[in-house]
Amino acid sequence: MNLSVALKLGRVSNLPTVWSNVLTGAALAGAVAADCRLLILVVSLSLFYVGGMFLNDAFDHGFDAKTRPERPIPSGQVSAAQVHAFGFGMMVTGLALLAWVGYRNEPLTQWRPVAAGFGLVAAIVFYNWHHKNNPLSPLIMGLCRMLVYLTAALAVSAIVPQTVIVGALVLLCYLIGLTYAAKKEHLGRLENIWPLAFLAVPLIYGIYLAYAQPLAGVPLILLAAWILYSLWLLRRRQRGDVPRAVVSLIAGISLLDAMLLTGAGHYLFAALAAVAFVITLALQRWISGT
């Protein structure tokens, strides 16, 4: 498997949104910028993401042969067996890194991040195995991102603070709206738009955060404008608008992270999340995010 195929399979253009998720989960649980565990967590959860994207193509290769024959497996650039092996191998490596964080770094969180990592593996595999024609697949995809928050939090804290739980639920709502749009991407249009109302939940919560912490209004405004832009693309429905809206909403995950971090007073992490948003947009011009 050559590098270009691997990059395409892994949708690596979206990786910065995983990094900002890791920073958000860890920071809301008490991590500081100098915490050496953050880098290990970024690498570990990046492996979960890329491995999950590999498995998405491996499980969907029959469907892609009919609707997206240019994808690496249907086009003969790599075999489904190879992609399965690499995908599961990355997840095993990610779990090993979580064990290293839990048992080899003070203060010890021991089995907690590993348990959360196993939950994340289960959610990723189940989503990839049974997301076609599954009405609950947006919920399962949202659960995957929630578990990134929870895994990062449990790597640095023995308990999950309320701010992490609330933030994870807000992220879940955003992912439900995003994943609904992504499920319809191959059709190039959307028949029903009511699930996209879930995208309003982060904005409502952002108003609450901005009331207590006015600086949170900055990423809130940016996120609101970005969601409106994405919804405008979905409404316009010209050729390519739905895929463009999907990747735009994916990039917006980092703006949501920046809003949550600013609301909690983690300004450095919030700035890094905003940078992750910009990097995602730049990478999506180079490598497809879907």
Protein backbone atom coordinates (compact mmCIF):
# COMPACT_ATOMS: atom_id res chain seq x y z
CA MET A 1 0.00 0.00 0.00
CA ASN A 2 1.55 3.30 -1.03
CA LEU A 3 1.33 6.54 0.93
CA SER A 4 -1.27 8.25 -1.27
CA VAL A 5 -3.65 5.29 -0.90
CA ALA A 6 -3.14 5.23 2.87
CA LEU A 7 -3.85 8.96 3.14
CA LYS A 8 -7.02 8.59 1.11
CA LEU A 9 -8.23 5.60 3.13
CA GLY A 10 -7.52 7.37 6.42
CA ARG A 11 -9.24 10.66 5.50
CA VAL A 12 -6.29 12.24 7.28
CA SER A 13 -7.44 15.73 6.36
CA ASN A 14 -9.89 15.46 9.27
CA LEU A 15 -7.29 14.42 11.85
CA PRO A 16 -6.90 17.93 13.36
CA THR A 17 -10.51 17.68 14.56
CA VAL A 18 -9.51 14.57 16.53
CA TRP A 19 -6.57 16.46 18.02
CA SER A 20 -8.82 19.28 19.19
CA ASN A 21 -11.25 16.70 20.64
CA VAL A 22 -8.37 15.18 22.63
CA LEU A 23 -7.28 18.57 23.94
CA THR A 24 -10.85 19.42 24.90
CA GLY A 25 -11.55 16.19 26.78
CA ALA A 26 -8.22 16.33 28.60
CA ALA A 27 -8.33 20.06 29.41
CA LEU A 28 -11.88 19.95 30.73
CA ALA A 29 -10.71 17.11 32.99
CA GLY A 30 -7.84 19.19 34.38
CA ALA A 31 -4.87 18.67 32.04
CA VAL A 32 -2.42 21.51 31.52
CA ALA A 33 -0.44 22.38 28.41
CA ALA A 34 2.80 20.92 29.82
CA ASP A 35 1.21 17.50 30.44
CA CYS A 36 3.36 14.99 28.53
CA ARG A 37 0.41 12.61 28.26
CA LEU A 38 -1.30 14.88 25.74
CA LEU A 39 1.06 13.98 22.90
CA ILE A 40 0.63 10.26 23.54
CA LEU A 41 -3.15 10.70 23.62
CA VAL A 42 -3.10 12.62 20.34
CA VAL A 43 -1.14 9.80 18.69
CA SER A 44 -3.29 7.06 20.23
CA LEU A 45 -6.65 8.56 19.30
CA SER A 46 -5.38 9.50 15.85
CA LEU A 47 -4.67 5.80 15.33
CA PHE A 48 -8.23 4.99 16.41
CA TYR A 49 -9.58 7.52 13.90
CA VAL A 50 -7.42 6.46 10.96
CA GLY A 51 -7.96 2.78 11.76
CA GLY A 52 -11.70 3.40 11.86
CA MET A 53 -11.58 5.12 8.49
CA PHE A 54 -9.68 2.15 7.06
CA LEU A 55 -12.36 -0.19 8.38
CA ASN A 56 -15.06 2.04 6.90
CA ASP A 57 -13.69 1.38 3.42
CA ALA A 58 -13.08 -2.29 4.19
CA PHE A 59 -16.65 -2.90 5.33
CA ASP A 60 -18.15 -0.71 2.58
CA HIS A 61 -16.13 -1.99 -0.37
CA GLY A 62 -19.14 -3.73 -1.94
CA PHE A 63 -21.29 -0.62 -1.66
CA ASP A 64 -18.45 1.59 -2.90
CA ALA A 65 -18.02 -0.65 -5.95
CA LYS A 66 -21.47 0.52 -7.08
CA THR A 67 -21.52 4.14 -5.90
CA ARG A 68 -17.86 5.20 -5.52
CA PRO A 69 -15.75 2.96 -7.79
CA GLU A 70 -12.85 5.40 -7.55
CA ARG A 71 -12.24 4.46 -3.88
CA PRO A 72 -8.98 2.51 -3.28
CA ILE A 73 -10.50 -0.98 -2.78
CA PRO A 74 -12.98 -1.05 -5.70
CA SER A 75 -10.37 0.49 -8.00
CA GLY A 76 -7.92 -2.33 -7.17
CA GLN A 77 -5.28 -0.18 -5.45
CA VAL A 78 -5.43 -2.32 -2.29
CA SER A 79 -7.32 -5.41 -1.08
CA ALA A 80 -10.07 -5.42 1.53
CA ALA A 81 -8.08 -7.95 3.60
CA GLN A 82 -5.07 -5.61 3.75
CA VAL A 83 -7.25 -2.68 4.79
CA HIS A 84 -8.91 -4.77 7.50
CA ALA A 85 -5.50 -5.81 8.85
CA PHE A 86 -4.13 -2.27 8.93
CA GLY A 87 -7.32 -0.90 10.49
CA PHE A 88 -7.43 -3.35 13.37
CA GLY A 89 -3.67 -3.14 13.80
CA MET A 90 -3.85 0.62 14.34
CA MET A 91 -6.55 0.19 16.98
CA VAL A 92 -4.50 -2.39 18.88
CA THR A 93 -1.56 0.03 18.84
CA GLY A 94 -3.82 2.81 20.07
CA LEU A 95 -4.97 0.65 22.99
CA ALA A 96 -1.36 -0.14 23.88
CA LEU A 97 -0.58 3.57 24.04
CA LEU A 98 -3.58 4.14 26.31
CA ALA A 99 -2.25 1.42 28.62
CA TRP A 100 1.11 3.20 28.64
CA VAL A 101 -0.61 6.44 29.66
CA GLY A 102 -2.68 4.76 32.36
CA TYR A 103 0.04 2.67 33.98
CA ARG A 104 3.29 4.52 33.32
CA ASN A 105 2.45 8.20 33.85
CA GLU A 106 1.71 9.96 37.13
CA PRO A 107 -0.90 10.37 38.44
CA LEU A 108 -1.84 6.82 37.46
CA THR A 109 -5.28 6.40 35.92
CA GLN A 110 -4.55 2.69 35.31
CA TRP A 111 -7.30 0.76 33.50
CA ARG A 112 -9.67 3.68 32.97
CA PRO A 113 -8.40 5.03 29.62
CA VAL A 114 -7.98 1.46 28.33
CA ALA A 115 -11.59 0.63 29.22
CA ALA A 116 -12.78 3.78 27.45
CA GLY A 117 -10.58 2.84 24.49
CA PHE A 118 -12.20 -0.58 24.25
CA GLY A 119 -15.57 1.13 24.26
CA LEU A 120 -14.40 3.36 21.44
CA VAL A 121 -13.17 0.34 19.44
CA ALA A 122 -16.55 -1.35 19.90
CA ALA A 123 -18.43 1.75 18.75
CA ILE A 124 -16.17 2.24 15.71
CA VAL A 125 -16.40 -1.38 14.60
CA PHE A 126 -20.17 -1.54 15.13
CA TYR A 127 -20.70 1.68 13.17
CA ASN A 128 -18.61 0.48 10.25
CA TRP A 129 -20.27 -2.95 10.27
CA HIS A 130 -23.85 -1.71 10.45
CA HIS A 131 -24.28 1.91 9.42
CA LYS A 132 -25.91 1.49 6.01
CA ASN A 133 -29.70 1.78 6.32
CA ASN A 134 -29.36 1.99 10.09
CA PRO A 135 -31.46 4.90 11.43
CA LEU A 136 -29.37 4.96 14.61
CA SER A 137 -26.02 5.31 12.82
CA PRO A 138 -25.79 9.10 13.45
CA LEU A 139 -26.16 8.38 17.16
CA ILE A 140 -23.42 5.73 17.03
CA MET A 141 -21.08 8.05 15.14
CA GLY A 142 -21.72 10.74 17.72
CA LEU A 143 -20.94 8.20 20.43
CA CYS A 144 -17.55 7.58 18.82
CA ARG A 145 -16.62 11.24 19.15
CA MET A 146 -18.04 11.38 22.68
CA LEU A 147 -15.76 8.52 23.60
CA VAL A 148 -12.75 10.48 22.33
CA TYR A 149 -13.60 13.14 24.94
CA LEU A 150 -14.17 10.53 27.65
CA THR A 151 -11.01 8.56 26.83
CA ALA A 152 -8.86 11.69 26.95
CA ALA A 153 -10.53 12.75 30.21
CA LEU A 154 -10.05 9.37 31.87
CA ALA A 155 -6.40 9.35 30.84
CA VAL A 156 -5.73 12.37 33.06
CA SER A 157 -8.40 12.03 35.75
CA ALA A 158 -9.88 9.17 37.76
CA ILE A 159 -13.33 10.69 37.37
CA VAL A 160 -15.09 12.40 34.49
CA PRO A 161 -16.04 15.98 35.45
CA GLN A 162 -19.51 17.27 34.67
CA THR A 163 -18.08 19.76 32.16
CA VAL A 164 -16.73 16.86 30.10
CA ILE A 165 -20.06 15.02 30.18
CA VAL A 166 -22.03 18.10 29.14
CA GLY A 167 -19.51 18.93 26.43
CA ALA A 168 -19.67 15.36 25.14
CA LEU A 169 -23.47 15.53 24.92
CA VAL A 170 -23.27 18.82 23.03
CA LEU A 171 -20.75 17.24 20.64
CA LEU A 172 -23.10 14.26 20.24
CA CYS A 173 -25.89 16.52 19.03
CA TYR A 174 -23.56 18.18 16.53
CA LEU A 175 -22.41 14.80 15.22
CA ILE A 176 -25.98 13.56 14.81
CA GLY A 177 -26.72 16.45 12.45
CA LEU A 178 -23.40 16.08 10.67
CA THR A 179 -23.67 12.31 10.21
CA TYR A 180 -27.20 12.58 8.83
CA ALA A 181 -25.88 14.88 6.13
CA ALA A 182 -22.94 12.56 5.47
CA LYS A 183 -25.24 9.52 5.09
CA LYS A 184 -26.99 11.29 2.23
CA GLU A 185 -23.79 12.50 0.61
CA HIS A 186 -23.74 9.97 -2.22
CA LEU A 187 -27.23 11.10 -3.26
CA GLY A 188 -26.15 14.70 -3.65
CA ARG A 189 -29.30 15.95 -1.90
CA LEU A 190 -31.26 15.72 1.34
CA GLU A 191 -34.87 14.55 1.43
CA ASN A 192 -35.57 15.55 5.05
CA ILE A 193 -33.67 18.18 6.99
CA TRP A 194 -35.22 17.92 10.45
CA PRO A 195 -32.28 15.95 11.96
CA LEU A 196 -30.08 18.93 11.15
CA ALA A 197 -31.92 20.76 13.97
CA PHE A 198 -29.49 18.96 16.29
CA LEU A 199 -26.88 21.43 15.04
CA ALA A 200 -28.70 24.16 16.99
CA VAL A 201 -27.88 22.52 20.35
CA PRO A 202 -24.21 23.61 20.40
CA LEU A 203 -25.26 27.16 19.60
CA ILE A 204 -27.78 27.24 22.44
CA TYR A 205 -25.16 25.91 24.84
CA GLY A 206 -22.67 28.42 23.46
CA ILE A 207 -25.02 31.27 24.39
CA TYR A 208 -25.13 29.88 27.93
CA LEU A 209 -21.31 29.75 28.05
CA ALA A 210 -20.98 33.27 26.65
CA TYR A 211 -23.30 34.62 29.32
CA ALA A 212 -20.86 33.46 32.01
CA GLN A 213 -17.67 33.88 29.96
CA PRO A 214 -18.08 36.62 27.31
CA LEU A 215 -14.96 35.56 25.38
CA ALA A 216 -16.77 32.32 24.48
CA GLY A 217 -18.92 34.51 22.24
CA VAL A 218 -16.08 34.75 19.72
CA PRO A 219 -15.89 31.04 18.78
CA LEU A 220 -19.69 30.88 19.19
CA ILE A 221 -20.17 33.48 16.46
CA LEU A 222 -17.65 31.74 14.23
CA LEU A 223 -19.35 28.38 14.77
CA ALA A 224 -22.81 29.83 14.10
CA ALA A 225 -21.61 31.45 10.88
CA TRP A 226 -19.94 28.21 9.78
CA ILE A 227 -23.04 26.11 10.46
CA LEU A 228 -25.19 28.62 8.55
CA TYR A 229 -22.77 28.48 5.63
CA SER A 230 -22.92 24.68 5.61
CA LEU A 231 -26.72 24.68 5.79
CA TRP A 232 -26.81 27.18 2.93
CA LEU A 233 -24.80 24.72 0.83
CA LEU A 234 -27.28 21.96 1.72
CA ARG A 235 -30.21 24.18 0.78
CA ARG A 236 -28.67 25.36 -2.49
CA ARG A 237 -28.00 21.75 -3.55
CA GLN A 238 -25.90 22.49 -6.58
CA ARG A 239 -23.48 19.85 -7.80
CA GLY A 240 -21.00 19.03 -5.06
CA ASP A 241 -22.72 21.13 -2.41
CA VAL A 242 -23.68 18.25 -0.11
CA PRO A 243 -20.13 16.77 0.08
CA ARG A 244 -18.77 20.29 0.59
CA ALA A 245 -21.25 20.89 3.40
CA VAL A 246 -20.27 17.60 5.04
CA VAL A 247 -16.55 18.35 5.10
CA SER A 248 -17.28 21.90 6.26
CA LEU A 249 -19.30 20.58 9.19
CA ILE A 250 -16.51 18.13 10.02
CA ALA A 251 -14.03 21.02 10.19
CA GLY A 252 -16.52 22.85 12.42
CA ILE A 253 -15.96 20.23 15.14
CA SER A 254 -12.79 22.11 16.08
CA LEU A 255 -14.71 25.39 16.34
CA LEU A 256 -17.08 23.65 18.74
CA ASP A 257 -14.07 22.50 20.75
CA ALA A 258 -12.71 26.06 20.79
CA MET A 259 -16.06 27.30 22.13
CA LEU A 260 -16.13 24.73 24.93
CA LEU A 261 -12.51 25.43 25.86
CA THR A 262 -12.98 29.19 25.89
CA GLY A 263 -16.09 28.82 28.03
CA ALA A 264 -14.00 26.89 30.57
CA GLY A 265 -11.18 29.44 30.52
CA HIS A 266 -8.66 27.28 28.63
CA TYR A 267 -7.58 29.99 26.19
CA LEU A 268 -4.36 28.39 24.92
CA PHE A 269 -6.13 25.12 24.14
CA ALA A 270 -8.96 27.09 22.53
CA ALA A 271 -6.46 28.85 20.26
CA LEU A 272 -4.99 25.48 19.28
CA ALA A 273 -8.47 24.19 18.47
CA ALA A 274 -9.05 27.21 16.23
CA VAL A 275 -5.75 26.46 14.48
CA ALA A 276 -6.93 22.85 14.04
CA PHE A 277 -10.01 24.20 12.24
CA VAL A 278 -7.85 26.14 9.79
CA ILE A 279 -5.50 23.19 9.23
CA THR A 280 -8.45 20.89 8.55
CA LEU A 281 -9.79 23.24 5.89
CA ALA A 282 -6.36 23.44 4.27
CA LEU A 283 -5.88 19.66 4.28
CA GLN A 284 -9.37 19.05 2.88
CA ARG A 285 -8.29 20.89 -0.27
CA TRP A 286 -5.56 18.27 -0.68
CA ILE A 287 -7.16 15.06 0.58
CA SER A 288 -10.89 14.34 0.51
CA GLY A 289 -12.49 14.41 3.95
CA THR A 290 -15.18 11.86 3.06
